[in-house]
N, C-alpha and C. Protein backbone atom coordinates (compact mmCIF):
# COMPACT_ATOMS: atom_id res chain seq x y z
N VAL A 1 103.71 32.14 -10.10
CA VAL A 1 102.85 32.22 -8.80
C VAL A 1 104.04 32.50 -8.42
N GLN A 2 105.03 31.75 -7.84
CA GLN A 2 106.15 32.13 -6.98
C GLN A 2 107.38 33.06 -7.29
N PRO A 3 108.25 33.43 -6.63
CA PRO A 3 109.06 34.05 -7.06
C PRO A 3 110.18 33.35 -7.00
N ASP A 4 110.29 32.19 -6.27
CA ASP A 4 111.38 31.01 -6.75
C ASP A 4 110.92 29.61 -7.62
N MET A 5 111.88 28.63 -7.01
CA MET A 5 111.99 27.15 -7.60
C MET A 5 111.98 26.46 -7.14
N TYR A 6 111.90 26.46 -5.63
CA TYR A 6 112.77 25.29 -4.52
C TYR A 6 111.61 24.71 -4.53
N PRO A 7 112.20 23.30 -4.19
CA PRO A 7 110.78 21.99 -4.75
C PRO A 7 110.37 22.87 -3.12
N GLY A 8 109.06 22.35 -3.68
CA GLY A 8 107.72 22.86 -2.82
C GLY A 8 107.34 23.85 -2.43
N ASN A 9 107.85 25.02 -2.78
CA ASN A 9 107.58 26.50 -2.62
C ASN A 9 106.79 26.73 -3.82
N CYS A 10 105.77 26.11 -3.48
CA CYS A 10 104.60 26.15 -5.10
C CYS A 10 103.22 26.66 -4.76
N TRP A 11 102.13 27.08 -5.43
CA TRP A 11 101.26 27.18 -4.96
C TRP A 11 100.25 25.67 -5.02
N ALA A 12 99.87 25.13 -4.08
CA ALA A 12 99.63 23.54 -4.46
C ALA A 12 98.10 23.99 -3.75
N PHE A 13 97.38 23.38 -4.84
CA PHE A 13 95.69 22.94 -4.45
C PHE A 13 95.66 21.24 -4.06
N LYS A 14 94.54 21.13 -2.97
CA LYS A 14 94.39 19.60 -3.24
C LYS A 14 93.21 19.46 -4.35
N GLY A 15 93.63 17.80 -4.57
CA GLY A 15 93.44 17.23 -6.09
C GLY A 15 93.81 17.31 -7.23
N SER A 16 93.39 16.97 -8.18
CA SER A 16 94.35 16.63 -9.46
C SER A 16 93.61 17.96 -10.49
N GLN A 17 92.33 18.49 -10.07
CA GLN A 17 91.81 19.27 -10.62
C GLN A 17 91.67 20.63 -10.01
N GLY A 18 92.07 22.44 -10.64
CA GLY A 18 91.32 23.48 -10.17
C GLY A 18 91.99 24.57 -10.91
N TYR A 19 92.25 25.99 -10.48
CA TYR A 19 91.71 26.86 -11.23
C TYR A 19 92.55 27.78 -11.14
N LEU A 20 93.06 29.02 -11.44
CA LEU A 20 94.26 30.07 -10.97
C LEU A 20 93.38 31.04 -12.00
N VAL A 21 92.97 32.19 -11.34
CA VAL A 21 92.46 33.38 -12.35
C VAL A 21 93.50 34.74 -12.13
N VAL A 22 94.30 35.28 -13.36
CA VAL A 22 94.88 35.91 -13.22
C VAL A 22 94.54 37.69 -13.15
N ARG A 23 94.76 38.64 -12.89
CA ARG A 23 94.82 39.99 -13.71
C ARG A 23 96.01 40.67 -14.14
N LEU A 24 95.88 40.90 -15.58
CA LEU A 24 97.19 41.75 -15.77
C LEU A 24 97.39 42.85 -15.42
N SER A 25 98.36 43.63 -15.24
CA SER A 25 98.67 44.75 -15.46
C SER A 25 97.71 46.23 -16.28
N MET A 26 97.94 45.01 -17.53
CA MET A 26 97.03 46.05 -18.59
C MET A 26 95.89 45.12 -19.17
N LYS A 27 95.28 44.99 -20.15
CA LYS A 27 94.91 44.65 -21.39
C LYS A 27 95.85 44.12 -22.34
N ILE A 28 95.73 42.76 -23.27
CA ILE A 28 96.90 42.48 -23.82
C ILE A 28 95.81 41.33 -24.66
N TYR A 29 96.73 41.20 -25.76
CA TYR A 29 96.55 40.46 -26.57
C TYR A 29 97.21 39.25 -26.95
N PRO A 30 96.51 38.00 -26.13
CA PRO A 30 97.36 37.25 -25.64
C PRO A 30 98.26 36.17 -27.14
N THR A 31 99.26 35.58 -27.07
CA THR A 31 99.81 34.88 -28.01
C THR A 31 100.28 33.40 -27.53
N ALA A 32 100.71 33.54 -25.93
CA ALA A 32 101.53 32.54 -25.69
C ALA A 32 101.34 32.21 -24.16
N PHE A 33 101.73 31.42 -23.48
CA PHE A 33 101.60 31.03 -21.88
C PHE A 33 102.92 30.37 -21.95
N THR A 34 103.51 30.80 -20.12
CA THR A 34 104.44 28.92 -20.10
C THR A 34 104.14 28.83 -18.64
N LEU A 35 104.52 27.60 -18.28
CA LEU A 35 103.89 26.87 -17.36
C LEU A 35 105.20 26.37 -17.00
N GLU A 36 105.67 26.96 -15.28
CA GLU A 36 107.08 25.89 -15.63
C GLU A 36 106.48 25.15 -13.80
N HIS A 37 107.56 24.20 -13.66
CA HIS A 37 107.66 23.57 -12.94
C HIS A 37 108.99 22.67 -12.55
N ILE A 38 109.64 22.49 -11.35
CA ILE A 38 110.62 21.81 -11.11
C ILE A 38 111.22 20.46 -12.16
N PRO A 39 112.31 20.57 -12.33
CA PRO A 39 113.08 19.02 -12.86
C PRO A 39 112.74 17.35 -11.97
N LYS A 40 112.35 16.14 -12.61
CA LYS A 40 112.28 16.14 -11.94
C LYS A 40 113.92 15.67 -10.82
N THR A 41 114.88 16.37 -11.61
CA THR A 41 116.24 16.07 -10.88
C THR A 41 116.39 16.55 -9.51
N LEU A 42 115.67 17.82 -9.67
CA LEU A 42 115.62 18.01 -7.61
C LEU A 42 114.38 18.41 -7.42
N SER A 43 113.29 17.14 -7.76
CA SER A 43 112.26 16.62 -6.41
C SER A 43 112.80 15.98 -5.92
N PRO A 44 112.68 15.66 -4.57
CA PRO A 44 113.07 14.97 -3.45
C PRO A 44 112.73 13.58 -3.69
N THR A 45 111.90 12.80 -4.12
CA THR A 45 111.37 12.10 -4.74
C THR A 45 111.13 11.62 -5.96
N GLY A 46 112.44 12.56 -6.93
CA GLY A 46 112.97 11.98 -8.29
C GLY A 46 111.57 12.01 -9.31
N ASN A 47 110.26 12.45 -9.00
CA ASN A 47 109.36 12.70 -9.64
C ASN A 47 109.03 13.52 -9.83
N ILE A 48 107.93 13.90 -10.84
CA ILE A 48 107.25 15.34 -10.51
C ILE A 48 105.64 15.08 -11.54
N THR A 49 104.91 13.81 -9.83
CA THR A 49 103.57 13.65 -10.44
C THR A 49 102.73 14.73 -10.08
N SER A 50 103.24 15.88 -9.00
CA SER A 50 101.95 16.62 -8.40
C SER A 50 102.11 17.78 -9.70
N ALA A 51 102.94 17.42 -10.58
CA ALA A 51 102.79 18.74 -12.08
C ALA A 51 101.30 18.84 -12.64
N PRO A 52 100.73 19.62 -13.60
CA PRO A 52 99.38 19.65 -14.01
C PRO A 52 100.42 18.71 -15.27
N ARG A 53 99.04 18.08 -15.63
CA ARG A 53 99.14 17.69 -17.06
C ARG A 53 98.06 17.82 -18.33
N ASN A 54 96.64 17.68 -18.03
CA ASN A 54 96.15 18.42 -19.10
C ASN A 54 95.25 20.09 -18.25
N PHE A 55 95.65 20.31 -19.23
CA PHE A 55 95.45 22.05 -18.46
C PHE A 55 94.32 23.08 -20.05
N SER A 56 93.90 24.07 -19.92
CA SER A 56 93.36 25.17 -20.47
C SER A 56 93.58 26.32 -20.39
N VAL A 57 93.64 27.39 -21.36
CA VAL A 57 93.39 28.43 -20.59
C VAL A 57 92.21 29.44 -21.47
N TYR A 58 91.86 30.39 -20.57
CA TYR A 58 90.99 31.27 -21.26
C TYR A 58 90.89 33.01 -20.99
N GLY A 59 90.42 33.63 -21.23
CA GLY A 59 90.49 34.95 -21.58
C GLY A 59 89.22 35.15 -21.25
N LEU A 60 88.92 36.09 -20.11
CA LEU A 60 88.03 36.52 -19.24
C LEU A 60 87.93 38.10 -19.24
N ASP A 61 86.26 38.33 -19.48
CA ASP A 61 86.62 40.22 -19.77
C ASP A 61 85.98 40.83 -18.29
N ASP A 62 85.63 39.77 -17.03
CA ASP A 62 85.72 40.24 -15.99
C ASP A 62 85.57 39.30 -14.61
N GLU A 63 86.18 38.90 -13.40
CA GLU A 63 86.19 38.37 -12.95
C GLU A 63 84.68 37.15 -12.48
N TYR A 64 83.94 37.79 -12.87
CA TYR A 64 82.62 37.08 -12.07
C TYR A 64 82.40 36.24 -13.24
N GLN A 65 83.20 36.46 -14.67
CA GLN A 65 82.33 35.39 -16.23
C GLN A 65 82.98 34.46 -15.50
N GLU A 66 81.18 33.50 -15.98
CA GLU A 66 81.53 32.07 -15.92
C GLU A 66 82.15 30.91 -17.00
N GLU A 67 81.80 31.83 -17.91
CA GLU A 67 82.45 30.99 -19.43
C GLU A 67 83.58 31.68 -20.50
N GLY A 68 84.66 31.87 -19.59
CA GLY A 68 85.60 33.09 -21.34
C GLY A 68 85.84 32.49 -22.23
N LYS A 69 86.30 33.14 -22.87
CA LYS A 69 87.00 32.44 -24.47
C LYS A 69 88.26 31.66 -24.13
N LEU A 70 87.99 30.32 -25.08
CA LEU A 70 88.91 29.51 -24.82
C LEU A 70 89.91 29.77 -25.74
N LEU A 71 91.34 29.85 -25.54
CA LEU A 71 92.29 30.43 -25.61
C LEU A 71 93.40 29.29 -26.78
N GLY A 72 93.17 28.33 -25.68
CA GLY A 72 93.74 26.73 -26.10
C GLY A 72 94.20 25.51 -25.10
N GLU A 73 93.54 24.21 -25.31
CA GLU A 73 94.51 22.94 -24.55
C GLU A 73 95.05 22.80 -24.56
N TYR A 74 95.75 22.19 -23.83
CA TYR A 74 97.55 21.90 -23.37
C TYR A 74 97.60 20.81 -22.69
N VAL A 75 99.46 20.16 -23.35
CA VAL A 75 99.69 19.05 -22.00
C VAL A 75 100.78 19.57 -21.21
N TYR A 76 101.06 19.41 -20.43
CA TYR A 76 102.42 19.83 -19.63
C TYR A 76 103.10 18.51 -19.66
N ASP A 77 104.07 18.62 -20.01
CA ASP A 77 105.15 17.41 -20.94
C ASP A 77 106.06 17.33 -19.35
N GLN A 78 106.29 16.00 -18.47
CA GLN A 78 106.36 16.10 -17.45
C GLN A 78 107.99 15.57 -17.53
N ASP A 79 108.35 15.01 -19.19
CA ASP A 79 109.85 14.54 -18.94
C ASP A 79 109.92 15.71 -20.25
N GLY A 80 109.56 16.83 -20.26
CA GLY A 80 110.13 18.25 -21.13
C GLY A 80 110.57 19.36 -20.34
N GLU A 81 111.51 19.96 -21.05
CA GLU A 81 111.86 21.22 -20.02
C GLU A 81 110.48 21.77 -18.82
N PRO A 82 111.95 21.64 -17.90
CA PRO A 82 110.92 22.55 -16.92
C PRO A 82 110.36 23.67 -16.80
N LEU A 83 110.22 24.32 -17.80
CA LEU A 83 109.68 25.85 -18.35
C LEU A 83 109.35 25.43 -19.70
N GLN A 84 107.47 25.28 -20.14
CA GLN A 84 107.36 24.68 -21.38
C GLN A 84 106.69 26.32 -21.58
N MET A 85 106.15 26.59 -23.20
CA MET A 85 106.05 27.58 -23.95
C MET A 85 104.56 26.61 -24.55
N PHE A 86 103.39 27.09 -24.55
CA PHE A 86 102.42 27.17 -25.33
C PHE A 86 102.22 28.25 -25.91
N PRO A 87 101.54 28.24 -27.62
CA PRO A 87 101.26 29.09 -28.21
C PRO A 87 99.39 29.80 -27.62
N VAL A 88 99.12 30.16 -28.13
CA VAL A 88 97.40 30.73 -28.27
C VAL A 88 96.96 30.02 -29.40
N LEU A 89 96.10 28.84 -29.16
CA LEU A 89 95.92 28.30 -30.23
C LEU A 89 94.29 28.46 -31.33
N GLU A 90 93.72 29.18 -30.37
CA GLU A 90 92.27 29.41 -30.51
C GLU A 90 92.60 31.26 -31.10
N LYS A 91 92.20 30.99 -32.63
CA LYS A 91 92.47 32.13 -33.36
C LYS A 91 91.28 33.16 -32.50
N ASN A 92 91.76 34.58 -32.07
CA ASN A 92 90.25 35.57 -31.82
C ASN A 92 91.13 37.27 -31.72
N GLU A 93 90.13 37.62 -31.98
CA GLU A 93 90.45 39.25 -31.70
C GLU A 93 90.62 40.18 -30.88
N ASP A 94 90.22 39.62 -29.38
CA ASP A 94 90.25 40.22 -28.72
C ASP A 94 90.90 40.47 -27.35
N ALA A 95 90.77 41.54 -26.75
CA ALA A 95 92.29 41.61 -25.79
C ALA A 95 91.31 41.39 -24.26
N PHE A 96 92.56 40.73 -23.39
CA PHE A 96 91.78 40.39 -22.58
C PHE A 96 92.99 41.03 -20.93
N GLN A 97 92.44 40.73 -20.09
CA GLN A 97 92.75 41.73 -19.05
C GLN A 97 93.00 40.52 -17.41
N ILE A 98 92.87 39.74 -17.65
CA ILE A 98 91.77 38.66 -16.60
C ILE A 98 91.85 37.46 -17.81
N VAL A 99 92.63 36.54 -17.42
CA VAL A 99 92.50 35.03 -17.89
C VAL A 99 92.92 33.80 -16.79
N GLU A 100 92.17 33.01 -17.29
CA GLU A 100 92.02 31.94 -16.28
C GLU A 100 92.45 30.72 -17.24
N LEU A 101 93.69 30.03 -15.80
CA LEU A 101 93.87 28.50 -16.11
C LEU A 101 93.16 27.54 -15.52
N ARG A 102 92.96 26.47 -16.20
CA ARG A 102 92.18 25.94 -15.39
C ARG A 102 92.83 24.29 -15.95
N ILE A 103 93.13 23.27 -14.36
CA ILE A 103 93.74 22.53 -14.96
C ILE A 103 92.81 21.06 -14.70
N PHE A 104 92.94 20.47 -15.28
CA PHE A 104 92.00 19.26 -15.82
C PHE A 104 93.12 17.43 -15.00
N SER A 105 94.01 17.58 -14.77
CA SER A 105 94.73 16.66 -14.37
C SER A 105 95.90 16.91 -14.09
N ASN A 106 96.85 15.72 -13.13
CA ASN A 106 97.94 16.49 -12.70
C ASN A 106 98.87 14.52 -13.53
N TRP A 107 99.88 14.38 -12.82
CA TRP A 107 101.03 12.95 -13.36
C TRP A 107 100.75 12.11 -12.59
N GLY A 108 99.26 12.09 -11.36
CA GLY A 108 99.47 10.70 -10.95
C GLY A 108 99.43 11.17 -9.62
N HIS A 109 99.60 12.14 -9.15
CA HIS A 109 99.70 12.82 -7.26
C HIS A 109 98.47 12.46 -7.28
N ALA A 110 98.05 11.96 -5.78
CA ALA A 110 96.64 11.96 -5.61
C ALA A 110 96.47 12.46 -4.50
N GLU A 111 96.93 13.61 -4.15
CA GLU A 111 96.72 14.47 -3.09
C GLU A 111 96.57 15.78 -3.42
N TYR A 112 97.11 15.93 -3.94
CA TYR A 112 97.47 17.82 -4.65
C TYR A 112 98.48 18.07 -6.07
N THR A 113 97.82 19.43 -6.32
CA THR A 113 98.77 19.70 -7.70
C THR A 113 99.59 21.09 -7.07
N CYS A 114 100.57 20.99 -7.99
CA CYS A 114 101.68 22.14 -7.57
C CYS A 114 102.04 23.23 -8.49
N LEU A 115 101.47 24.42 -8.64
CA LEU A 115 101.77 25.42 -9.85
C LEU A 115 103.31 26.23 -9.33
N TYR A 116 104.68 26.23 -10.11
CA TYR A 116 104.96 26.83 -9.85
C TYR A 116 105.23 28.24 -9.97
N ARG A 117 105.68 28.69 -11.84
CA ARG A 117 105.12 29.64 -12.57
C ARG A 117 104.31 29.51 -13.63
N PHE A 118 103.56 30.57 -13.89
CA PHE A 118 102.40 30.58 -15.03
C PHE A 118 102.39 31.93 -15.86
N ARG A 119 102.80 32.70 -17.06
CA ARG A 119 102.65 33.36 -17.47
C ARG A 119 102.42 33.34 -18.04
N VAL A 120 102.24 35.04 -18.88
CA VAL A 120 100.86 35.08 -20.09
C VAL A 120 101.65 36.11 -20.40
N HIS A 121 101.86 35.55 -21.93
CA HIS A 121 102.69 36.19 -22.80
C HIS A 121 101.98 37.25 -24.10
N GLY A 122 101.89 38.48 -24.57
CA GLY A 122 101.14 39.17 -25.64
C GLY A 122 101.33 40.66 -25.65
N LYS A 123 100.87 40.69 -26.94
CA LYS A 123 101.32 42.41 -27.13
C LYS A 123 100.00 42.99 -26.50
N PRO A 124 100.29 44.31 -25.68
CA PRO A 124 100.06 45.86 -24.87
C PRO A 124 98.66 45.51 -26.06
N ALA A 125 97.53 46.23 -25.42
CA ALA A 125 95.94 46.16 -26.23
C ALA A 125 95.85 47.90 -26.47
């Protein structure tokens, strides 16, 4: 979402639940997603409670679609590597140009959740 990984230089949204809809440059068959947050060692507070925790990813046919095709439900591990890859878990034959990231919780920050990088991996349709 941002070109660098400096602490605080993220796309933040209020609370612990939110979503992001991304239009890709072309239709792809998604194979995996990566979510990246700064490591605890770079955090001024020594923790990353604003990191996403429980999230899911959906493929959409268009940006107005209410309910897309579930591609997987995941947990970002705050004690894991800053860059974490998650494979598509729900098998499907569809290609998508629009992907929705839905965040259901963070690691305990009461005010906001921070997204640093979200990437979609796949094969061109």
